[in-house]
Amino acid sequence: MKRIALIAVVLSLGAGAAFAATPNTSSTAHPTPPTQTQAQHEKHRAKVQNINAREDRETKALNLLEARGYTYFSNFKPDGRDYSASVAKNGHNMNVLVDPAKGVVTAQG
């Protein structure tokens, strides 16, 4: 019986030593991705702010058209700092230029 216990102890110590000798490769197998640099972060934030500003201007232009009674907007697109669109008002189709910053809608000839 003592012999079996001794063999079990020797085997468990050997297995523990072999387990401890196994190199830890988990940290090199899955390296962590590099973090964004401050410059990359600022560039991304500026890009998002530009997109938001453009979308705000477009929304203001469309809201302005609706508030002035224009309907059936089509061909809405940037035209410099303004927006041009084909619209209808009181049954008449026309092209307009919208300046969302000044709140002005101008009929185009």
PDB file of N, CA and C in Angstrom:
ATOM      1  N   MET A   1       0.816  -1.186   0.000  1.00  0.00           N
ATOM      2  CA  MET A   1       0.000   0.000   0.000  1.00  0.00           C
ATOM      3  C   MET A   1       0.862   1.252   0.000  1.00  0.00           C
ATOM      4  N   LYS A   2       1.964   1.202   0.795  1.00  0.00           N
ATOM      5  CA  LYS A   2       2.875   2.345   0.823  1.00  0.00           C
ATOM      6  C   LYS A   2       3.513   2.551  -0.540  1.00  0.00           C
ATOM      7  N   ARG A   3       3.722   1.437  -1.251  1.00  0.00           N
ATOM      8  CA  ARG A   3       4.350   1.529  -2.555  1.00  0.00           C
ATOM      9  C   ARG A   3       3.421   2.250  -3.536  1.00  0.00           C
ATOM     10  N   ILE A   4       2.132   1.984  -3.498  1.00  0.00           N
ATOM     11  CA  ILE A   4       1.180   2.630  -4.387  1.00  0.00           C
ATOM     12  C   ILE A   4       1.100   4.129  -4.074  1.00  0.00           C
ATOM     13  N   ALA A   5       1.089   4.482  -2.805  1.00  0.00           N
ATOM     14  CA  ALA A   5       1.042   5.887  -2.409  1.00  0.00           C
ATOM     15  C   ALA A   5       2.292   6.599  -2.862  1.00  0.00           C
ATOM     16  N   LEU A   6       3.445   5.932  -2.722  1.00  0.00           N
ATOM     17  CA  LEU A   6       4.709   6.532  -3.144  1.00  0.00           C
ATOM     18  C   LEU A   6       4.730   6.757  -4.653  1.00  0.00           C
ATOM     19  N   ILE A   7       4.225   5.793  -5.402  1.00  0.00           N
ATOM     20  CA  ILE A   7       4.182   5.928  -6.865  1.00  0.00           C
ATOM     21  C   ILE A   7       3.255   7.086  -7.244  1.00  0.00           C
ATOM     22  N   ALA A   8       2.118   7.210  -6.567  1.00  0.00           N
ATOM     23  CA  ALA A   8       1.182   8.287  -6.862  1.00  0.00           C
ATOM     24  C   ALA A   8       1.812   9.640  -6.592  1.00  0.00           C
ATOM     25  N   VAL A   9       2.562   9.760  -5.493  1.00  0.00           N
ATOM     26  CA  VAL A   9       3.230  11.015  -5.154  1.00  0.00           C
ATOM     27  C   VAL A   9       4.263  11.357  -6.207  1.00  0.00           C
ATOM     28  N   VAL A  10       5.082  10.372  -6.603  1.00  0.00           N
ATOM     29  CA  VAL A  10       6.127  10.604  -7.597  1.00  0.00           C
ATOM     30  C   VAL A  10       5.507  11.012  -8.937  1.00  0.00           C
ATOM     31  N   LEU A  11       4.430  10.343  -9.329  1.00  0.00           N
ATOM     32  CA  LEU A  11       3.788  10.691 -10.598  1.00  0.00           C
ATOM     33  C   LEU A  11       3.182  12.090 -10.557  1.00  0.00           C
ATOM     34  N   SER A  12       2.568  12.438  -9.441  1.00  0.00           N
ATOM     35  CA  SER A  12       1.969  13.775  -9.371  1.00  0.00           C
ATOM     36  C   SER A  12       3.023  14.867  -9.353  1.00  0.00           C
ATOM     37  N   LEU A  13       4.142  14.623  -8.697  1.00  0.00           N
ATOM     38  CA  LEU A  13       5.222  15.610  -8.693  1.00  0.00           C
ATOM     39  C   LEU A  13       5.827  15.753 -10.082  1.00  0.00           C
ATOM     40  N   GLY A  14       5.967  14.657 -10.790  1.00  0.00           N
ATOM     41  CA  GLY A  14       6.521  14.686 -12.147  1.00  0.00           C
ATOM     42  C   GLY A  14       5.587  15.418 -13.101  1.00  0.00           C
ATOM     43  N   ALA A  15       4.302  15.168 -12.949  1.00  0.00           N
ATOM     44  CA  ALA A  15       3.332  15.840 -13.818  1.00  0.00           C
ATOM     45  C   ALA A  15       3.307  17.333 -13.527  1.00  0.00           C
ATOM     46  N   GLY A  16       3.412  17.713 -12.262  1.00  0.00           N
ATOM     47  CA  GLY A  16       3.428  19.122 -11.896  1.00  0.00           C
ATOM     48  C   GLY A  16       4.645  19.818 -12.454  1.00  0.00           C
ATOM     49  N   ALA A  17       5.795  19.148 -12.400  1.00  0.00           N
ATOM     50  CA  ALA A  17       7.023  19.735 -12.931  1.00  0.00           C
ATOM     51  C   ALA A  17       6.926  19.892 -14.446  1.00  0.00           C
ATOM     52  N   ALA A  18       6.340  18.889 -15.111  1.00  0.00           N
ATOM     53  CA  ALA A  18       6.190  18.975 -16.557  1.00  0.00           C
ATOM     54  C   ALA A  18       5.213  20.087 -16.923  1.00  0.00           C
ATOM     55  N   PHE A  19       4.141  20.212 -16.144  1.00  0.00           N
ATOM     56  CA  PHE A  19       3.170  21.264 -16.396  1.00  0.00           C
ATOM     57  C   PHE A  19       3.790  22.641 -16.188  1.00  0.00           C
ATOM     58  N   ALA A  20       4.588  22.777 -15.157  1.00  0.00           N
ATOM     59  CA  ALA A  20       5.226  24.057 -14.856  1.00  0.00           C
ATOM     60  C   ALA A  20       6.258  24.426 -15.912  1.00  0.00           C
ATOM     61  N   ALA A  21       6.840  23.420 -16.569  1.00  0.00           N
ATOM     62  CA  ALA A  21       7.870  23.680 -17.567  1.00  0.00           C
ATOM     63  C   ALA A  21       7.274  24.078 -18.916  1.00  0.00           C
ATOM     64  N   THR A  22       5.975  23.920 -19.087  1.00  0.00           N
ATOM     65  CA  THR A  22       5.339  24.272 -20.349  1.00  0.00           C
ATOM     66  C   THR A  22       5.356  25.790 -20.513  1.00  0.00           C
ATOM     67  N   PRO A  23       5.910  26.284 -21.599  1.00  0.00           N
ATOM     68  CA  PRO A  23       5.973  27.737 -21.777  1.00  0.00           C
ATOM     69  C   PRO A  23       4.580  28.327 -21.970  1.00  0.00           C
ATOM     70  N   ASN A  24       4.394  29.537 -21.504  1.00  0.00           N
ATOM     71  CA  ASN A  24       3.133  30.250 -21.657  1.00  0.00           C
ATOM     72  C   ASN A  24       3.174  31.006 -22.969  1.00  0.00           C
ATOM     73  N   THR A  25       2.433  30.519 -23.967  1.00  0.00           N
ATOM     74  CA  THR A  25       2.434  31.153 -25.293  1.00  0.00           C
ATOM     75  C   THR A  25       1.173  31.953 -25.550  1.00  0.00           C
ATOM     76  N   SER A  26       0.276  32.017 -24.592  1.00  0.00           N
ATOM     77  CA  SER A  26      -0.993  32.698 -24.837  1.00  0.00           C
ATOM     78  C   SER A  26      -0.805  34.192 -25.096  1.00  0.00           C
ATOM     79  N   SER A  27       0.180  34.821 -24.490  1.00  0.00           N
ATOM     80  CA  SER A  27       0.359  36.257 -24.691  1.00  0.00           C
ATOM     81  C   SER A  27       0.921  36.573 -26.069  1.00  0.00           C
ATOM     82  N   THR A  28       1.666  35.659 -26.675  1.00  0.00           N
ATOM     83  CA  THR A  28       2.204  35.912 -28.012  1.00  0.00           C
ATOM     84  C   THR A  28       1.285  35.374 -29.097  1.00  0.00           C
ATOM     85  N   ALA A  29       0.394  34.436 -28.752  1.00  0.00           N
ATOM     86  CA  ALA A  29      -0.494  33.874 -29.756  1.00  0.00           C
ATOM     87  C   ALA A  29      -1.572  34.886 -30.172  1.00  0.00           C
ATOM     88  N   HIS A  30      -2.011  35.750 -29.261  1.00  0.00           N
ATOM     89  CA  HIS A  30      -3.051  36.734 -29.535  1.00  0.00           C
ATOM     90  C   HIS A  30      -2.588  38.104 -29.063  1.00  0.00           C
ATOM     91  N   PRO A  31      -1.729  38.762 -29.843  1.00  0.00           N
ATOM     92  CA  PRO A  31      -1.261  40.080 -29.385  1.00  0.00           C
ATOM     93  C   PRO A  31      -2.415  41.078 -29.360  1.00  0.00           C
ATOM     94  N   THR A  32      -2.341  41.995 -28.444  1.00  0.00           N
ATOM     95  CA  THR A  32      -3.372  43.018 -28.361  1.00  0.00           C
ATOM     96  C   THR A  32      -3.170  44.022 -29.485  1.00  0.00           C
ATOM     97  N   PRO A  33      -4.266  44.508 -30.084  1.00  0.00           N
ATOM     98  CA  PRO A  33      -4.119  45.475 -31.174  1.00  0.00           C
ATOM     99  C   PRO A  33      -3.561  46.785 -30.642  1.00  0.00           C
ATOM    100  N   PRO A  34      -2.835  47.506 -31.479  1.00  0.00           N
ATOM    101  CA  PRO A  34      -2.285  48.786 -31.020  1.00  0.00           C
ATOM    102  C   PRO A  34      -3.418  49.790 -30.771  1.00  0.00           C
ATOM    103  N   THR A  35      -3.214  50.627 -29.815  1.00  0.00           N
ATOM    104  CA  THR A  35      -4.217  51.641 -29.515  1.00  0.00           C
ATOM    105  C   THR A  35      -4.072  52.803 -30.486  1.00  0.00           C
ATOM    106  N   GLN A  36      -5.163  53.555 -30.655  1.00  0.00           N
ATOM    107  CA  GLN A  36      -5.123  54.721 -31.532  1.00  0.00           C
ATOM    108  C   GLN A  36      -4.216  55.780 -30.928  1.00  0.00           C
ATOM    109  N   THR A  37      -3.476  56.417 -31.783  1.00  0.00           N
ATOM    110  CA  THR A  37      -2.680  57.542 -31.303  1.00  0.00           C
ATOM    111  C   THR A  37      -3.596  58.734 -31.127  1.00  0.00           C
ATOM    112  N   GLN A  38      -3.161  59.693 -30.395  1.00  0.00           N
ATOM    113  CA  GLN A  38      -3.954  60.908 -30.171  1.00  0.00           C
ATOM    114  C   GLN A  38      -4.260  61.608 -31.490  1.00  0.00           C
ATOM    115  N   ALA A  39      -3.291  61.624 -32.392  1.00  0.00           N
ATOM    116  CA  ALA A  39      -3.491  62.282 -33.691  1.00  0.00           C
ATOM    117  C   ALA A  39      -4.571  61.563 -34.504  1.00  0.00           C
ATOM    118  N   GLN A  40      -4.561  60.229 -34.488  1.00  0.00           N
ATOM    119  CA  GLN A  40      -5.578  59.471 -35.209  1.00  0.00           C
ATOM    120  C   GLN A  40      -6.957  59.726 -34.613  1.00  0.00           C
ATOM    121  N   HIS A  41      -7.018  59.783 -33.303  1.00  0.00           N
ATOM    122  CA  HIS A  41      -8.279  60.026 -32.614  1.00  0.00           C
ATOM    123  C   HIS A  41      -8.825  61.413 -32.980  1.00  0.00           C
ATOM    124  N   GLU A  42      -7.976  62.419 -32.959  1.00  0.00           N
ATOM    125  CA  GLU A  42      -8.404  63.781 -33.299  1.00  0.00           C
ATOM    126  C   GLU A  42      -8.844  63.870 -34.762  1.00  0.00           C
ATOM    127  N   LYS A  43      -8.136  63.181 -35.652  1.00  0.00           N
ATOM    128  CA  LYS A  43      -8.500  63.190 -37.071  1.00  0.00           C
ATOM    129  C   LYS A  43      -9.875  62.556 -37.266  1.00  0.00           C
ATOM    130  N   HIS A  44     -10.130  61.446 -36.584  1.00  0.00           N
ATOM    131  CA  HIS A  44     -11.423  60.781 -36.671  1.00  0.00           C
ATOM    132  C   HIS A  44     -12.533  61.677 -36.126  1.00  0.00           C
ATOM    133  N   ARG A  45     -12.270  62.317 -34.988  1.00  0.00           N
ATOM    134  CA  ARG A  45     -13.280  63.179 -34.378  1.00  0.00           C
ATOM    135  C   ARG A  45     -13.594  64.379 -35.291  1.00  0.00           C
ATOM    136  N   ALA A  46     -12.579  64.937 -35.924  1.00  0.00           N
ATOM    137  CA  ALA A  46     -12.795  66.061 -36.845  1.00  0.00           C
ATOM    138  C   ALA A  46     -13.631  65.617 -38.042  1.00  0.00           C
ATOM    139  N   LYS A  47     -13.376  64.419 -38.541  1.00  0.00           N
ATOM    140  CA  LYS A  47     -14.139  63.897 -39.676  1.00  0.00           C
ATOM    141  C   LYS A  47     -15.604  63.722 -39.291  1.00  0.00           C
ATOM    142  N   VAL A  48     -15.850  63.174 -38.116  1.00  0.00           N
ATOM    143  CA  VAL A  48     -17.224  62.984 -37.645  1.00  0.00           C
ATOM    144  C   VAL A  48     -17.917  64.327 -37.462  1.00  0.00           C
ATOM    145  N   GLN A  49     -17.208  65.312 -36.923  1.00  0.00           N
ATOM    146  CA  GLN A  49     -17.792  66.640 -36.734  1.00  0.00           C
ATOM    147  C   GLN A  49     -18.148  67.282 -38.079  1.00  0.00           C
ATOM    148  N   ASN A  50     -17.295  67.087 -39.094  1.00  0.00           N
ATOM    149  CA  ASN A  50     -17.579  67.626 -40.428  1.00  0.00           C
ATOM    150  C   ASN A  50     -18.823  66.976 -41.023  1.00  0.00           C
ATOM    151  N   ILE A  51     -18.949  65.681 -40.851  1.00  0.00           N
ATOM    152  CA  ILE A  51     -20.123  64.973 -41.358  1.00  0.00           C
ATOM    153  C   ILE A  51     -21.375  65.480 -40.650  1.00  0.00           C
ATOM    154  N   ASN A  52     -21.298  65.623 -39.324  1.00  0.00           N
ATOM    155  CA  ASN A  52     -22.445  66.120 -38.558  1.00  0.00           C
ATOM    156  C   ASN A  52     -22.827  67.533 -38.973  1.00  0.00           C
ATOM    157  N   ALA A  53     -21.844  68.388 -39.204  1.00  0.00           N
ATOM    158  CA  ALA A  53     -22.117  69.773 -39.617  1.00  0.00           C
ATOM    159  C   ALA A  53     -22.796  69.793 -40.983  1.00  0.00           C
ATOM    160  N   ARG A  54     -22.322  68.970 -41.905  1.00  0.00           N
ATOM    161  CA  ARG A  54     -22.922  68.901 -43.247  1.00  0.00           C
ATOM    162  C   ARG A  54     -24.360  68.400 -43.153  1.00  0.00           C
ATOM    163  N   GLU A  55     -24.571  67.351 -42.355  1.00  0.00           N
ATOM    164  CA  GLU A  55     -25.924  66.814 -42.196  1.00  0.00           C
ATOM    165  C   GLU A  55     -26.847  67.842 -41.539  1.00  0.00           C
ATOM    166  N   ASP A  56     -26.327  68.616 -40.599  1.00  0.00           N
ATOM    167  CA  ASP A  56     -27.132  69.664 -39.965  1.00  0.00           C
ATOM    168  C   ASP A  56     -27.559  70.713 -40.991  1.00  0.00           C
ATOM    169  N   ARG A  57     -26.633  71.107 -41.877  1.00  0.00           N
ATOM    170  CA  ARG A  57     -26.953  72.095 -42.908  1.00  0.00           C
ATOM    171  C   ARG A  57     -28.011  71.544 -43.863  1.00  0.00           C
ATOM    172  N   GLU A  58     -27.876  70.274 -44.253  1.00  0.00           N
ATOM    173  CA  GLU A  58     -28.857  69.662 -45.148  1.00  0.00           C
ATOM    174  C   GLU A  58     -30.228  69.616 -44.488  1.00  0.00           C
ATOM    175  N   THR A  59     -30.263  69.233 -43.227  1.00  0.00           N
ATOM    176  CA  THR A  59     -31.532  69.173 -42.494  1.00  0.00           C
ATOM    177  C   THR A  59     -32.168  70.546 -42.394  1.00  0.00           C
ATOM    178  N   LYS A  60     -31.366  71.567 -42.097  1.00  0.00           N
ATOM    179  CA  LYS A  60     -31.893  72.939 -42.022  1.00  0.00           C
ATOM    180  C   LYS A  60     -32.463  73.374 -43.370  1.00  0.00           C
ATOM    181  N   ALA A  61     -31.765  73.034 -44.449  1.00  0.00           N
ATOM    182  CA  ALA A  61     -32.235  73.416 -45.785  1.00  0.00           C
ATOM    183  C   ALA A  61     -33.565  72.739 -46.105  1.00  0.00           C
ATOM    184  N   LEU A  62     -33.685  71.457 -45.826  1.00  0.00           N
ATOM    185  CA  LEU A  62     -34.935  70.744 -46.090  1.00  0.00           C
ATOM    186  C   LEU A  62     -36.065  71.258 -45.208  1.00  0.00           C
ATOM    187  N   ASN A  63     -35.770  71.522 -43.947  1.00  0.00           N
ATOM    188  CA  ASN A  63     -36.785  72.069 -43.044  1.00  0.00           C
ATOM    189  C   ASN A  63     -37.242  73.447 -43.505  1.00  0.00           C
ATOM    190  N   LEU A  64     -36.314  74.219 -44.026  1.00  0.00           N
ATOM    191  CA  LEU A  64     -36.647  75.559 -44.522  1.00  0.00           C
ATOM    192  C   LEU A  64     -37.587  75.471 -45.728  1.00  0.00           C
ATOM    193  N   LEU A  65     -37.307  74.549 -46.628  1.00  0.00           N
ATOM    194  CA  LEU A  65     -38.192  74.359 -47.787  1.00  0.00           C
ATOM    195  C   LEU A  65     -39.604  73.994 -47.325  1.00  0.00           C
ATOM    196  N   GLU A  66     -39.680  73.076 -46.405  1.00  0.00           N
ATOM    197  CA  GLU A  66     -40.990  72.650 -45.919  1.00  0.00           C
ATOM    198  C   GLU A  66     -41.718  73.795 -45.200  1.00  0.00           C
ATOM    199  N   ALA A  67     -40.995  74.551 -44.383  1.00  0.00           N
ATOM    200  CA  ALA A  67     -41.602  75.664 -43.647  1.00  0.00           C
ATOM    201  C   ALA A  67     -42.122  76.746 -44.592  1.00  0.00           C
ATOM    202  N   ARG A  68     -41.493  76.899 -45.757  1.00  0.00           N
ATOM    203  CA  ARG A  68     -41.918  77.924 -46.718  1.00  0.00           C
ATOM    204  C   ARG A  68     -43.006  77.417 -47.675  1.00  0.00           C
ATOM    205  N   GLY A  69     -43.482  76.205 -47.447  1.00  0.00           N
ATOM    206  CA  GLY A  69     -44.597  75.682 -48.241  1.00  0.00           C
ATOM    207  C   GLY A  69     -44.214  74.951 -49.505  1.00  0.00           C
ATOM    208  N   TYR A  70     -42.946  74.636 -49.688  1.00  0.00           N
ATOM    209  CA  TYR A  70     -42.526  73.883 -50.872  1.00  0.00           C
ATOM    210  C   TYR A  70     -42.788  72.399 -50.640  1.00  0.00           C
ATOM    211  N   THR A  71     -43.141  71.697 -51.715  1.00  0.00           N
ATOM    212  CA  THR A  71     -43.411  70.260 -51.625  1.00  0.00           C
ATOM    213  C   THR A  71     -42.707  69.537 -52.766  1.00  0.00           C
ATOM    214  N   TYR A  72     -42.802  68.233 -52.749  1.00  0.00           N
ATOM    215  CA  TYR A  72     -42.243  67.386 -53.798  1.00  0.00           C
ATOM    216  C   TYR A  72     -40.785  67.734 -54.114  1.00  0.00           C
ATOM    217  N   PHE A  73     -39.938  67.624 -53.118  1.00  0.00           N
ATOM    218  CA  PHE A  73     -38.513  67.913 -53.303  1.00  0.00           C
ATOM    219  C   PHE A  73     -37.880  66.801 -54.129  1.00  0.00           C
ATOM    220  N   SER A  74     -37.055  67.194 -55.072  1.00  0.00           N
ATOM    221  CA  SER A  74     -36.244  66.221 -55.817  1.00  0.00           C
ATOM    222  C   SER A  74     -34.949  66.899 -56.235  1.00  0.00           C
ATOM    223  N   ASN A  75     -34.002  66.101 -56.660  1.00  0.00           N
ATOM    224  CA  ASN A  75     -32.690  66.610 -57.090  1.00  0.00           C
ATOM    225  C   ASN A  75     -32.058  67.527 -56.039  1.00  0.00           C
ATOM    226  N   PHE A  76     -32.277  67.228 -54.795  1.00  0.00           N
ATOM    227  CA  PHE A  76     -31.694  68.009 -53.708  1.00  0.00           C
ATOM    228  C   PHE A  76     -30.210  67.685 -53.639  1.00  0.00           C
ATOM    229  N   LYS A  77     -29.366  68.722 -53.805  1.00  0.00           N
ATOM    230  CA  LYS A  77     -27.915  68.477 -53.817  1.00  0.00           C
ATOM    231  C   LYS A  77     -27.165  69.738 -53.414  1.00  0.00           C
ATOM    232  N   PRO A  78     -25.939  69.556 -52.941  1.00  0.00           N
ATOM    233  CA  PRO A  78     -25.119  70.724 -52.578  1.00  0.00           C
ATOM    234  C   PRO A  78     -24.790  71.556 -53.814  1.00  0.00           C
ATOM    235  N   ASP A  79     -24.754  72.855 -53.604  1.00  0.00           N
ATOM    236  CA  ASP A  79     -24.377  73.795 -54.652  1.00  0.00           C
ATOM    237  C   ASP A  79     -23.510  74.848 -53.973  1.00  0.00           C
ATOM    238  N   GLY A  80     -22.225  74.586 -53.873  1.00  0.00           N
ATOM    239  CA  GLY A  80     -21.333  75.437 -53.079  1.00  0.00           C
ATOM    240  C   GLY A  80     -21.695  75.290 -51.612  1.00  0.00           C
ATOM    241  N   ARG A  81     -21.914  76.406 -50.922  1.00  0.00           N
ATOM    242  CA  ARG A  81     -22.333  76.359 -49.516  1.00  0.00           C
ATOM    243  C   ARG A  81     -23.856  76.238 -49.391  1.00  0.00           C
ATOM    244  N   ASP A  82     -24.567  76.346 -50.520  1.00  0.00           N
ATOM    245  CA  ASP A  82     -26.019  76.283 -50.534  1.00  0.00           C
ATOM    246  C   ASP A  82     -26.460  74.915 -51.057  1.00  0.00           C
ATOM    247  N   TYR A  83     -27.768  74.775 -51.257  1.00  0.00           N
ATOM    248  CA  TYR A  83     -28.340  73.552 -51.817  1.00  0.00           C
ATOM    249  C   TYR A  83     -29.320  73.936 -52.905  1.00  0.00           C
ATOM    250  N   SER A  84     -29.321  73.162 -53.978  1.00  0.00           N
ATOM    251  CA  SER A  84     -30.303  73.377 -55.030  1.00  0.00           C
ATOM    252  C   SER A  84     -31.276  72.210 -55.003  1.00  0.00           C
ATOM    253  N   ALA A  85     -32.498  72.479 -55.466  1.00  0.00           N
ATOM    254  CA  ALA A  85     -33.521  71.440 -55.475  1.00  0.00           C
ATOM    255  C   ALA A  85     -34.596  71.791 -56.488  1.00  0.00           C
ATOM    256  N   SER A  86     -35.256  70.765 -56.984  1.00  0.00           N
ATOM    257  CA  SER A  86     -36.464  70.939 -57.783  1.00  0.00           C
ATOM    258  C   SER A  86     -37.617  70.748 -56.806  1.00  0.00           C
ATOM    259  N   VAL A  87     -38.552  71.698 -56.804  1.00  0.00           N
ATOM    260  CA  VAL A  87     -39.646  71.678 -55.834  1.00  0.00           C
ATOM    261  C   VAL A  87     -40.945  72.081 -56.519  1.00  0.00           C
ATOM    262  N   ALA A  88     -42.022  71.963 -55.773  1.00  0.00           N
ATOM    263  CA  ALA A  88     -43.320  72.452 -56.239  1.00  0.00           C
ATOM    264  C   ALA A  88     -43.910  73.327 -55.144  1.00  0.00           C
ATOM    265  N   LYS A  89     -44.642  74.367 -55.583  1.00  0.00           N
ATOM    266  CA  LYS A  89     -45.342  75.235 -54.635  1.00  0.00           C
ATOM    267  C   LYS A  89     -46.579  75.770 -55.343  1.00  0.00           C
ATOM    268  N   ASN A  90     -47.716  75.629 -54.691  1.00  0.00           N
ATOM    269  CA  ASN A  90     -48.990  76.078 -55.258  1.00  0.00           C
ATOM    270  C   ASN A  90     -49.216  75.531 -56.668  1.00  0.00           C
ATOM    271  N   GLY A  91     -48.844  74.281 -56.891  1.00  0.00           N
ATOM    272  CA  GLY A  91     -49.047  73.639 -58.187  1.00  0.00           C
ATOM    273  C   GLY A  91     -48.038  73.998 -59.249  1.00  0.00           C
ATOM    274  N   HIS A  92     -47.022  74.788 -58.916  1.00  0.00           N
ATOM    275  CA  HIS A  92     -45.991  75.186 -59.888  1.00  0.00           C
ATOM    276  C   HIS A  92     -44.672  74.511 -59.551  1.00  0.00           C
ATOM    277  N   ASN A  93     -44.045  73.922 -60.563  1.00  0.00           N
ATOM    278  CA  ASN A  93     -42.725  73.317 -60.394  1.00  0.00           C
ATOM    279  C   ASN A  93     -41.659  74.367 -60.640  1.00  0.00           C
ATOM    280  N   MET A  94     -40.618  74.325 -59.854  1.00  0.00           N
ATOM    281  CA  MET A  94     -39.524  75.290 -60.016  1.00  0.00           C
ATOM    282  C   MET A  94     -38.238  74.738 -59.416  1.00  0.00           C
ATOM    283  N   ASN A  95     -37.159  75.397 -59.735  1.00  0.00           N
ATOM    284  CA  ASN A  95     -35.866  75.100 -59.127  1.00  0.00           C
ATOM    285  C   ASN A  95     -35.541  76.216 -58.145  1.00  0.00           C
ATOM    286  N   VAL A  96     -34.986  75.837 -57.001  1.00  0.00           N
ATOM    287  CA  VAL A  96     -34.659  76.833 -55.979  1.00  0.00           C
ATOM    288  C   VAL A  96     -33.238  76.615 -55.482  1.00  0.00           C
ATOM    289  N   LEU A  97     -32.716  77.668 -54.896  1.00  0.00           N
ATOM    290  CA  LEU A  97     -31.420  77.639 -54.222  1.00  0.00           C
ATOM    291  C   LEU A  97     -31.691  77.970 -52.758  1.00  0.00           C
ATOM    292  N   VAL A  98     -31.201  77.130 -51.860  1.00  0.00           N
ATOM    293  CA  VAL A  98     -31.472  77.280 -50.429  1.00  0.00           C
ATOM    294  C   VAL A  98     -30.179  77.602 -49.704  1.00  0.00           C
ATOM    295  N   ASP A  99     -30.196  78.689 -48.932  1.00  0.00           N
ATOM    296  CA  ASP A  99     -29.075  79.058 -48.074  1.00  0.00           C
ATOM    297  C   ASP A  99     -29.520  78.823 -46.631  1.00  0.00           C
ATOM    298  N   PRO A 100     -29.159  77.675 -46.046  1.00  0.00           N
ATOM    299  CA  PRO A 100     -29.634  77.366 -44.701  1.00  0.00           C
ATOM    300  C   PRO A 100     -29.052  78.283 -43.631  1.00  0.00           C
ATOM    301  N   ALA A 101     -27.885  78.842 -43.870  1.00  0.00           N
ATOM    302  CA  ALA A 101     -27.266  79.733 -42.882  1.00  0.00           C
ATOM    303  C   ALA A 101     -28.049  81.037 -42.754  1.00  0.00           C
ATOM    304  N   LYS A 102     -28.526  81.565 -43.877  1.00  0.00           N
ATOM    305  CA  LYS A 102     -29.271  82.830 -43.877  1.00  0.00           C
ATOM    306  C   LYS A 102     -30.786  82.615 -43.836  1.00  0.00           C
ATOM    307  N   GLY A 103     -31.223  81.366 -44.046  1.00  0.00           N
ATOM    308  CA  GLY A 103     -32.655  81.098 -44.062  1.00  0.00           C
ATOM    309  C   GLY A 103     -33.351  81.627 -45.293  1.00  0.00           C
ATOM    310  N   VAL A 104     -32.656  81.605 -46.418  1.00  0.00           N
ATOM    311  CA  VAL A 104     -33.183  82.195 -47.661  1.00  0.00           C
ATOM    312  C   VAL A 104     -33.404  81.109 -48.709  1.00  0.00           C
ATOM    313  N   VAL A 105     -34.568  81.159 -49.357  1.00  0.00           N
ATOM    314  CA  VAL A 105     -34.882  80.291 -50.490  1.00  0.00           C
ATOM    315  C   VAL A 105     -35.096  81.197 -51.695  1.00  0.00           C
ATOM    316  N   THR A 106     -34.318  80.981 -52.758  1.00  0.00           N
ATOM    317  CA  THR A 106     -34.391  81.830 -53.956  1.00  0.00           C
ATOM    318  C   THR A 106     -34.820  80.986 -55.151  1.00  0.00           C
ATOM    319  N   ALA A 107     -35.882  81.403 -55.841  1.00  0.00           N
ATOM    320  CA  ALA A 107     -36.315  80.721 -57.055  1.00  0.00           C
ATOM    321  C   ALA A 107     -35.304  80.979 -58.158  1.00  0.00           C
ATOM    322  N   GLN A 108     -34.976  79.944 -58.898  1.00  0.00           N
ATOM    323  CA  GLN A 108     -34.030  80.056 -60.002  1.00  0.00           C
ATOM    324  C   GLN A 108     -34.797  80.114 -61.319  1.00  0.00           C
ATOM    325  N   GLY A 109     -34.326  80.933 -62.242  1.00  0.00           N
ATOM    326  CA  GLY A 109     -34.990  81.134 -63.526  1.00  0.00           C
ATOM    327  C   GLY A 109     -34.782  80.055 -64.432  1.00  0.00           C
TER     328      GLY A 109
END
